Structure formats: C-alpha cells, structure tokens
Amino acid sequence: MLEGWLEYHRGTLAMKCEGLDDARLRTASAPPSDLSLLGLVRHMAEVERGWFRRTLAGEETTRIYSTKEDPDGDIHVTEADTWQEAHTTWREEIERARAIAAAHGLDDLSARKSRGGERFNLRWIYTHMIEEYARHNGHADLLRERIDGATGD
C-alpha cells in the first residue's frame, strides 16, 4: 500500500508537467515565489536521493542541484534548465530509490542517522515521501492551473 501511494504521487507530478514546453515548466506563476513545475521535479529528485540513497542506504552522494551558496538551487531554475535533463535525473533517482527500497523490509532502519541522532525505518520514509509528494502535488495543481487552466488529480 505504501509503495502504491508513493507511485501514485510520483505519477501525479509527472502528469502535472505533461504537454508543457520548457518555458512553461520554468514559469513561476505565483509571484513573489519562484516555484515552478520544473523546480518541483528537480526538488523531488533531490528528495528521492536524500531519503533513499543517502539516508536509507548510507550512500555518500552529493546534492544534484543545491549548493552551499544556493541551498534552494533545485527550485531556482534558469533559462538553461530543461525538462529533458530534470525528468531524466528524477526518473533515475526514482529507479534507484525503488531498488534500494526493494532490498529492505519496512522495519529496517536507515544506515544514516538524522541530525538529531535518530534512524528512520523504511515505513517512516515511505510515509514521509508520500506526504512530501502530496504537499508538492498541491503546489503543482495551482501552478498548472495558473499556466493553462488544466486541473485534476
């Protein structure tokens, strides 16, 4: 059930981006926020990497888009940022997350501890990821409706 809801929300974000060109995907349609659909996809690639690769599996990975100088670099898109790159990166992180999760039971604890010193089991990570996607899919609903009026899921 947890995997199913996570897949549903991953698919919903992809659906919110369908049929739009790069310029529209980069559109920050609720000023003063610079949040865009492309930024959300890049953000979720970072989130997938962070929870599954770094936290659960303990991999030593770098951030994809964010830096010390720009901790919100995933959200801050430029004219040079494309759907093809962001979508490919996001899909690769999802595939890696699926493989890592498949190797763990729901009660298995993460390899890496939080800053507060706690470990998270896979059940908690799935629940958090569902919440993260659900929240951002709400943002995606508003962004997409503002861009071209499309609504649904």
N, C-alpha and C. Protein backbone atom coordinates (compact mmCIF):
# COMPACT_ATOMS: atom_id res chain seq x y z
N MET A 1 0.82 -1.18 0.00
CA MET A 1 0.00 0.00 0.00
C MET A 1 0.88 1.26 0.00
N LEU A 2 1.93 1.27 0.81
CA LEU A 2 2.81 2.43 0.86
C LEU A 2 3.48 2.66 -0.49
N GLU A 3 3.98 1.59 -1.09
CA GLU A 3 4.60 1.71 -2.41
C GLU A 3 3.59 2.22 -3.43
N GLY A 4 2.37 1.72 -3.35
CA GLY A 4 1.32 2.12 -4.29
C GLY A 4 1.00 3.61 -4.20
N TRP A 5 0.86 4.13 -2.98
CA TRP A 5 0.58 5.56 -2.82
C TRP A 5 1.76 6.41 -3.27
N LEU A 6 2.97 5.96 -2.99
CA LEU A 6 4.13 6.72 -3.44
C LEU A 6 4.17 6.75 -4.96
N GLU A 7 3.92 5.62 -5.61
CA GLU A 7 3.90 5.58 -7.08
C GLU A 7 2.80 6.47 -7.64
N TYR A 8 1.66 6.48 -6.99
CA TYR A 8 0.55 7.34 -7.42
C TYR A 8 0.98 8.81 -7.41
N HIS A 9 1.62 9.22 -6.35
CA HIS A 9 2.03 10.62 -6.25
C HIS A 9 3.18 10.96 -7.20
N ARG A 10 4.07 10.01 -7.44
CA ARG A 10 5.12 10.25 -8.44
C ARG A 10 4.46 10.46 -9.80
N GLY A 11 3.51 9.61 -10.12
CA GLY A 11 2.80 9.72 -11.40
C GLY A 11 2.00 11.01 -11.52
N THR A 12 1.43 11.45 -10.42
CA THR A 12 0.65 12.69 -10.43
C THR A 12 1.53 13.88 -10.77
N LEU A 13 2.72 13.94 -10.19
CA LEU A 13 3.62 15.05 -10.51
C LEU A 13 4.00 15.02 -11.99
N ALA A 14 4.28 13.84 -12.51
CA ALA A 14 4.62 13.72 -13.94
C ALA A 14 3.44 14.20 -14.79
N MET A 15 2.23 13.82 -14.41
CA MET A 15 1.04 14.22 -15.15
C MET A 15 0.87 15.73 -15.15
N LYS A 16 1.18 16.39 -14.04
CA LYS A 16 1.04 17.84 -13.96
C LYS A 16 1.97 18.55 -14.93
N CYS A 17 3.02 17.89 -15.35
CA CYS A 17 4.01 18.50 -16.24
C CYS A 17 3.78 18.16 -17.71
N GLU A 18 2.90 17.21 -17.98
CA GLU A 18 2.69 16.73 -19.35
C GLU A 18 2.19 17.84 -20.27
N GLY A 19 2.73 17.83 -21.48
CA GLY A 19 2.24 18.72 -22.52
C GLY A 19 2.74 20.15 -22.45
N LEU A 20 3.63 20.45 -21.54
CA LEU A 20 4.16 21.81 -21.42
C LEU A 20 5.59 21.88 -21.95
N ASP A 21 5.92 22.99 -22.58
CA ASP A 21 7.29 23.17 -23.05
C ASP A 21 8.16 23.67 -21.90
N ASP A 22 9.44 23.74 -22.14
CA ASP A 22 10.39 24.14 -21.09
C ASP A 22 10.05 25.50 -20.51
N ALA A 23 9.69 26.45 -21.36
CA ALA A 23 9.39 27.81 -20.86
C ALA A 23 8.22 27.77 -19.88
N ARG A 24 7.18 27.03 -20.19
CA ARG A 24 6.04 26.97 -19.29
C ARG A 24 6.37 26.19 -18.02
N LEU A 25 7.19 25.15 -18.15
CA LEU A 25 7.60 24.39 -16.97
C LEU A 25 8.47 25.22 -16.03
N ARG A 26 9.18 26.21 -16.59
CA ARG A 26 10.01 27.09 -15.78
C ARG A 26 9.21 28.26 -15.20
N THR A 27 7.96 28.41 -15.61
CA THR A 27 7.16 29.56 -15.20
C THR A 27 6.87 29.53 -13.71
N ALA A 28 7.27 30.60 -13.04
CA ALA A 28 6.92 30.79 -11.64
C ALA A 28 5.62 31.59 -11.65
N SER A 29 4.52 30.89 -11.50
CA SER A 29 3.24 31.52 -11.77
C SER A 29 2.53 32.09 -10.55
N ALA A 30 3.21 32.16 -9.43
CA ALA A 30 2.59 32.74 -8.23
C ALA A 30 3.58 33.68 -7.53
N PRO A 31 3.94 34.79 -8.18
CA PRO A 31 4.88 35.71 -7.57
C PRO A 31 4.42 36.16 -6.18
N PRO A 32 5.33 36.39 -5.27
CA PRO A 32 6.77 36.53 -5.47
C PRO A 32 7.52 35.20 -5.43
N SER A 33 6.85 34.09 -5.24
CA SER A 33 7.51 32.79 -5.21
C SER A 33 8.13 32.49 -6.57
N ASP A 34 9.30 31.85 -6.56
CA ASP A 34 9.90 31.42 -7.83
C ASP A 34 9.70 29.92 -8.06
N LEU A 35 8.75 29.33 -7.34
CA LEU A 35 8.43 27.92 -7.50
C LEU A 35 7.81 27.67 -8.87
N SER A 36 8.29 26.63 -9.53
CA SER A 36 7.79 26.25 -10.86
C SER A 36 7.64 24.73 -10.90
N LEU A 37 6.95 24.25 -11.92
CA LEU A 37 6.83 22.80 -12.08
C LEU A 37 8.20 22.15 -12.29
N LEU A 38 9.04 22.78 -13.08
CA LEU A 38 10.38 22.24 -13.29
C LEU A 38 11.16 22.22 -11.98
N GLY A 39 11.03 23.28 -11.19
CA GLY A 39 11.68 23.32 -9.89
C GLY A 39 11.17 22.23 -8.96
N LEU A 40 9.87 21.93 -9.01
CA LEU A 40 9.32 20.86 -8.18
C LEU A 40 9.90 19.50 -8.57
N VAL A 41 10.03 19.25 -9.87
CA VAL A 41 10.61 17.98 -10.32
C VAL A 41 12.06 17.88 -9.87
N ARG A 42 12.81 18.95 -10.01
CA ARG A 42 14.20 18.94 -9.55
C ARG A 42 14.27 18.74 -8.04
N HIS A 43 13.37 19.40 -7.30
CA HIS A 43 13.32 19.24 -5.85
C HIS A 43 13.05 17.79 -5.47
N MET A 44 12.09 17.17 -6.16
CA MET A 44 11.76 15.79 -5.81
C MET A 44 12.88 14.82 -6.18
N ALA A 45 13.67 15.14 -7.19
CA ALA A 45 14.86 14.33 -7.48
C ALA A 45 15.82 14.39 -6.29
N GLU A 46 16.01 15.59 -5.75
CA GLU A 46 16.85 15.76 -4.56
C GLU A 46 16.28 15.00 -3.36
N VAL A 47 14.98 15.06 -3.17
CA VAL A 47 14.34 14.40 -2.04
C VAL A 47 14.46 12.88 -2.16
N GLU A 48 14.22 12.35 -3.35
CA GLU A 48 14.38 10.90 -3.57
C GLU A 48 15.81 10.48 -3.22
N ARG A 49 16.77 11.22 -3.73
CA ARG A 49 18.18 10.91 -3.47
C ARG A 49 18.49 10.99 -1.98
N GLY A 50 17.99 12.04 -1.35
CA GLY A 50 18.30 12.25 0.06
C GLY A 50 17.76 11.14 0.96
N TRP A 51 16.50 10.78 0.79
CA TRP A 51 15.91 9.80 1.70
C TRP A 51 16.29 8.36 1.38
N PHE A 52 16.35 8.00 0.12
CA PHE A 52 16.64 6.61 -0.20
C PHE A 52 18.13 6.33 -0.31
N ARG A 53 18.85 7.13 -1.05
CA ARG A 53 20.26 6.85 -1.25
C ARG A 53 21.10 7.24 -0.03
N ARG A 54 20.98 8.51 0.40
CA ARG A 54 21.82 8.97 1.50
C ARG A 54 21.36 8.42 2.84
N THR A 55 20.07 8.58 3.16
CA THR A 55 19.62 8.21 4.50
C THR A 55 19.44 6.71 4.64
N LEU A 56 18.62 6.09 3.81
CA LEU A 56 18.34 4.67 3.97
C LEU A 56 19.56 3.80 3.66
N ALA A 57 20.17 4.02 2.50
CA ALA A 57 21.28 3.17 2.08
C ALA A 57 22.64 3.63 2.60
N GLY A 58 22.75 4.87 3.05
CA GLY A 58 24.02 5.37 3.56
C GLY A 58 25.02 5.72 2.49
N GLU A 59 24.57 5.92 1.26
CA GLU A 59 25.49 6.28 0.17
C GLU A 59 26.06 7.68 0.39
N GLU A 60 27.29 7.85 -0.02
CA GLU A 60 27.93 9.16 0.02
C GLU A 60 27.67 9.81 -1.33
N THR A 61 26.63 10.60 -1.41
CA THR A 61 26.28 11.28 -2.66
C THR A 61 26.27 12.78 -2.42
N THR A 62 26.44 13.50 -3.49
CA THR A 62 26.34 14.95 -3.43
C THR A 62 24.92 15.35 -3.81
N ARG A 63 24.60 16.59 -3.55
CA ARG A 63 23.31 17.11 -3.99
C ARG A 63 23.37 17.29 -5.51
N ILE A 64 22.22 17.24 -6.12
CA ILE A 64 22.16 17.34 -7.58
C ILE A 64 22.19 18.80 -8.02
N TYR A 65 21.34 19.61 -7.44
CA TYR A 65 21.16 20.99 -7.88
C TYR A 65 21.52 22.01 -6.80
N SER A 66 21.37 21.65 -5.58
CA SER A 66 21.59 22.59 -4.48
C SER A 66 23.07 22.66 -4.11
N THR A 67 23.48 23.82 -3.65
CA THR A 67 24.86 24.03 -3.22
C THR A 67 24.85 24.79 -1.90
N LYS A 68 26.02 24.93 -1.30
CA LYS A 68 26.12 25.75 -0.09
C LYS A 68 25.71 27.19 -0.38
N GLU A 69 26.13 27.68 -1.54
CA GLU A 69 25.81 29.05 -1.93
C GLU A 69 24.32 29.22 -2.27
N ASP A 70 23.71 28.17 -2.78
CA ASP A 70 22.29 28.21 -3.15
C ASP A 70 21.61 26.93 -2.68
N PRO A 71 21.25 26.87 -1.38
CA PRO A 71 20.64 25.66 -0.85
C PRO A 71 19.29 25.32 -1.49
N ASP A 72 18.67 26.30 -2.17
CA ASP A 72 17.42 26.05 -2.89
C ASP A 72 17.66 26.01 -4.40
N GLY A 73 18.84 25.60 -4.79
CA GLY A 73 19.19 25.53 -6.21
C GLY A 73 18.28 24.62 -7.01
N ASP A 74 17.68 23.64 -6.36
CA ASP A 74 16.74 22.77 -7.07
C ASP A 74 15.52 23.55 -7.53
N ILE A 75 15.08 24.50 -6.74
CA ILE A 75 13.91 25.31 -7.05
C ILE A 75 14.26 26.46 -7.99
N HIS A 76 15.48 26.98 -7.88
CA HIS A 76 15.89 28.14 -8.67
C HIS A 76 16.31 27.71 -10.08
N VAL A 77 15.37 27.72 -10.99
CA VAL A 77 15.66 27.30 -12.36
C VAL A 77 16.04 28.51 -13.21
N THR A 78 16.80 28.24 -14.25
CA THR A 78 17.22 29.28 -15.18
C THR A 78 16.77 28.89 -16.59
N GLU A 79 17.00 29.78 -17.53
CA GLU A 79 16.66 29.51 -18.93
C GLU A 79 17.43 28.31 -19.48
N ALA A 80 18.55 27.99 -18.88
CA ALA A 80 19.36 26.86 -19.35
C ALA A 80 18.83 25.51 -18.86
N ASP A 81 17.97 25.52 -17.85
CA ASP A 81 17.45 24.26 -17.29
C ASP A 81 16.33 23.72 -18.17
N THR A 82 16.39 22.39 -18.42
CA THR A 82 15.44 21.77 -19.34
C THR A 82 14.66 20.64 -18.68
N TRP A 83 13.49 20.39 -19.24
CA TRP A 83 12.66 19.27 -18.81
C TRP A 83 13.40 17.96 -19.06
N GLN A 84 14.03 17.83 -20.21
CA GLN A 84 14.71 16.57 -20.52
C GLN A 84 15.71 16.21 -19.44
N GLU A 85 16.54 17.15 -19.04
CA GLU A 85 17.55 16.85 -18.00
C GLU A 85 16.88 16.58 -16.66
N ALA A 86 15.96 17.44 -16.25
CA ALA A 86 15.32 17.28 -14.94
C ALA A 86 14.52 15.99 -14.87
N HIS A 87 13.76 15.70 -15.90
CA HIS A 87 12.93 14.49 -15.91
C HIS A 87 13.80 13.24 -15.90
N THR A 88 14.86 13.23 -16.70
CA THR A 88 15.78 12.08 -16.72
C THR A 88 16.41 11.88 -15.35
N THR A 89 16.88 12.94 -14.75
CA THR A 89 17.51 12.85 -13.43
C THR A 89 16.50 12.36 -12.40
N TRP A 90 15.30 12.90 -12.39
CA TRP A 90 14.25 12.49 -11.46
C TRP A 90 13.92 11.01 -11.63
N ARG A 91 13.74 10.57 -12.87
CA ARG A 91 13.41 9.16 -13.14
C ARG A 91 14.56 8.25 -12.68
N GLU A 92 15.79 8.65 -12.88
CA GLU A 92 16.94 7.85 -12.43
C GLU A 92 16.95 7.74 -10.91
N GLU A 93 16.65 8.83 -10.22
CA GLU A 93 16.60 8.79 -8.75
C GLU A 93 15.44 7.90 -8.27
N ILE A 94 14.33 7.94 -8.95
CA ILE A 94 13.20 7.08 -8.59
C ILE A 94 13.58 5.61 -8.78
N GLU A 95 14.20 5.29 -9.88
CA GLU A 95 14.60 3.89 -10.13
C GLU A 95 15.59 3.41 -9.07
N ARG A 96 16.53 4.26 -8.71
CA ARG A 96 17.50 3.90 -7.67
C ARG A 96 16.79 3.73 -6.33
N ALA A 97 15.84 4.62 -6.03
CA ALA A 97 15.07 4.53 -4.78
C ALA A 97 14.28 3.22 -4.72
N ARG A 98 13.67 2.84 -5.83
CA ARG A 98 12.91 1.58 -5.88
C ARG A 98 13.82 0.39 -5.58
N ALA A 99 15.00 0.39 -6.18
CA ALA A 99 15.94 -0.72 -5.97
C ALA A 99 16.40 -0.78 -4.52
N ILE A 100 16.69 0.35 -3.93
CA ILE A 100 17.12 0.38 -2.53
C ILE A 100 15.99 -0.09 -1.63
N ALA A 101 14.79 0.41 -1.85
CA ALA A 101 13.65 0.02 -1.02
C ALA A 101 13.36 -1.48 -1.14
N ALA A 102 13.51 -2.02 -2.33
CA ALA A 102 13.23 -3.45 -2.55
C ALA A 102 14.16 -4.34 -1.73
N ALA A 103 15.32 -3.82 -1.39
CA ALA A 103 16.30 -4.59 -0.62
C ALA A 103 16.09 -4.47 0.89
N HIS A 104 15.07 -3.75 1.31
CA HIS A 104 14.81 -3.50 2.73
C HIS A 104 13.40 -3.91 3.12
N GLY A 105 13.26 -4.32 4.37
CA GLY A 105 11.95 -4.53 4.95
C GLY A 105 11.43 -3.24 5.53
N LEU A 106 10.13 -3.17 5.75
CA LEU A 106 9.52 -1.93 6.24
C LEU A 106 10.07 -1.50 7.60
N ASP A 107 10.53 -2.44 8.40
CA ASP A 107 11.03 -2.09 9.73
C ASP A 107 12.55 -1.93 9.78
N ASP A 108 13.23 -2.11 8.64
CA ASP A 108 14.67 -1.92 8.59
C ASP A 108 15.00 -0.45 8.82
N LEU A 109 16.02 -0.21 9.63
CA LEU A 109 16.42 1.15 9.96
C LEU A 109 17.43 1.69 8.96
N SER A 110 17.42 2.99 8.81
CA SER A 110 18.33 3.66 7.88
C SER A 110 19.77 3.50 8.32
N ALA A 111 20.66 3.51 7.33
CA ALA A 111 22.09 3.42 7.60
C ALA A 111 22.60 4.70 8.24
N ARG A 112 22.02 5.81 7.87
CA ARG A 112 22.46 7.11 8.35
C ARG A 112 21.47 7.66 9.37
N LYS A 113 22.00 8.31 10.40
CA LYS A 113 21.17 8.95 11.42
C LYS A 113 20.82 10.38 11.00
N SER A 114 19.73 10.87 11.55
CA SER A 114 19.36 12.27 11.33
C SER A 114 20.30 13.16 12.14
N ARG A 115 20.19 14.46 11.94
CA ARG A 115 20.99 15.40 12.73
C ARG A 115 20.69 15.24 14.21
N GLY A 116 19.46 14.83 14.53
CA GLY A 116 19.05 14.62 15.92
C GLY A 116 19.46 13.27 16.47
N GLY A 117 20.11 12.45 15.65
CA GLY A 117 20.63 11.17 16.10
C GLY A 117 19.69 9.99 15.94
N GLU A 118 18.54 10.18 15.29
CA GLU A 118 17.61 9.06 15.14
C GLU A 118 17.75 8.41 13.77
N ARG A 119 17.39 7.16 13.72
CA ARG A 119 17.33 6.43 12.46
C ARG A 119 15.87 6.29 12.07
N PHE A 120 15.63 6.15 10.77
CA PHE A 120 14.28 6.03 10.26
C PHE A 120 14.09 4.67 9.63
N ASN A 121 12.93 4.05 9.87
CA ASN A 121 12.69 2.80 9.16
C ASN A 121 12.07 3.11 7.80
N LEU A 122 12.06 2.10 6.92
CA LEU A 122 11.55 2.30 5.57
C LEU A 122 10.08 2.71 5.61
N ARG A 123 9.31 2.20 6.54
CA ARG A 123 7.90 2.57 6.67
C ARG A 123 7.77 4.09 6.87
N TRP A 124 8.60 4.64 7.76
CA TRP A 124 8.58 6.08 8.01
C TRP A 124 8.98 6.85 6.76
N ILE A 125 10.01 6.37 6.08
CA ILE A 125 10.49 7.05 4.87
C ILE A 125 9.40 7.05 3.80
N TYR A 126 8.74 5.91 3.59
CA TYR A 126 7.63 5.87 2.62
C TYR A 126 6.55 6.88 3.01
N THR A 127 6.18 6.89 4.26
CA THR A 127 5.12 7.80 4.72
C THR A 127 5.54 9.25 4.51
N HIS A 128 6.77 9.56 4.84
CA HIS A 128 7.27 10.92 4.63
C HIS A 128 7.28 11.28 3.14
N MET A 129 7.72 10.36 2.29
CA MET A 129 7.76 10.63 0.85
C MET A 129 6.36 10.86 0.30
N ILE A 130 5.39 10.09 0.76
CA ILE A 130 4.01 10.28 0.33
C ILE A 130 3.53 11.68 0.72
N GLU A 131 3.83 12.07 1.95
CA GLU A 131 3.46 13.41 2.43
C GLU A 131 4.16 14.49 1.61
N GLU A 132 5.43 14.30 1.32
CA GLU A 132 6.21 15.28 0.56
C GLU A 132 5.62 15.46 -0.84
N TYR A 133 5.37 14.34 -1.52
CA TYR A 133 4.78 14.43 -2.86
C TYR A 133 3.37 15.03 -2.80
N ALA A 134 2.56 14.61 -1.83
CA ALA A 134 1.19 15.12 -1.75
C ALA A 134 1.18 16.64 -1.59
N ARG A 135 2.04 17.14 -0.72
CA ARG A 135 2.13 18.58 -0.50
C ARG A 135 2.55 19.30 -1.77
N HIS A 136 3.57 18.79 -2.42
CA HIS A 136 4.06 19.44 -3.62
C HIS A 136 3.13 19.23 -4.81
N ASN A 137 2.38 18.14 -4.83
CA ASN A 137 1.38 17.98 -5.88
C ASN A 137 0.27 19.02 -5.73
N GLY A 138 -0.01 19.42 -4.52
CA GLY A 138 -0.94 20.53 -4.31
C GLY A 138 -0.39 21.82 -4.92
N HIS A 139 0.90 22.05 -4.72
CA HIS A 139 1.53 23.21 -5.36
C HIS A 139 1.45 23.08 -6.88
N ALA A 140 1.73 21.86 -7.37
CA ALA A 140 1.70 21.62 -8.82
C ALA A 140 0.31 21.87 -9.39
N ASP A 141 -0.74 21.50 -8.65
CA ASP A 141 -2.11 21.78 -9.09
C ASP A 141 -2.29 23.26 -9.35
N LEU A 142 -1.89 24.08 -8.39
CA LEU A 142 -2.06 25.52 -8.51
C LEU A 142 -1.20 26.10 -9.64
N LEU A 143 0.04 25.63 -9.73
CA LEU A 143 0.92 26.11 -10.79
C LEU A 143 0.35 25.79 -12.16
N ARG A 144 -0.08 24.54 -12.35
CA ARG A 144 -0.59 24.12 -13.67
C ARG A 144 -1.88 24.86 -14.01
N GLU A 145 -2.76 25.01 -13.04
CA GLU A 145 -4.00 25.73 -13.31
C GLU A 145 -3.71 27.18 -13.72
N ARG A 146 -2.75 27.78 -13.09
CA ARG A 146 -2.38 29.17 -13.42
C ARG A 146 -1.75 29.25 -14.82
N ILE A 147 -0.99 28.23 -15.20
CA ILE A 147 -0.31 28.25 -16.50
C ILE A 147 -1.30 28.11 -17.65
N ASP A 148 -2.18 27.09 -17.58
CA ASP A 148 -3.07 26.86 -18.72
C ASP A 148 -4.49 26.43 -18.36
N GLY A 149 -4.83 26.50 -17.07
CA GLY A 149 -6.19 26.16 -16.66
C GLY A 149 -6.45 24.69 -16.42
N ALA A 150 -5.44 23.83 -16.68
CA ALA A 150 -5.64 22.39 -16.50
C ALA A 150 -5.79 22.06 -15.02
N THR A 151 -6.76 21.21 -14.70
CA THR A 151 -6.99 20.77 -13.33
C THR A 151 -7.20 19.27 -13.31
N GLY A 152 -7.23 18.70 -12.13
CA GLY A 152 -7.46 17.26 -11.96
C GLY A 152 -6.33 16.62 -11.21
N ASP A 153 -6.65 15.49 -10.56
CA ASP A 153 -5.72 14.77 -9.69
C ASP A 153 -4.66 15.70 -9.20
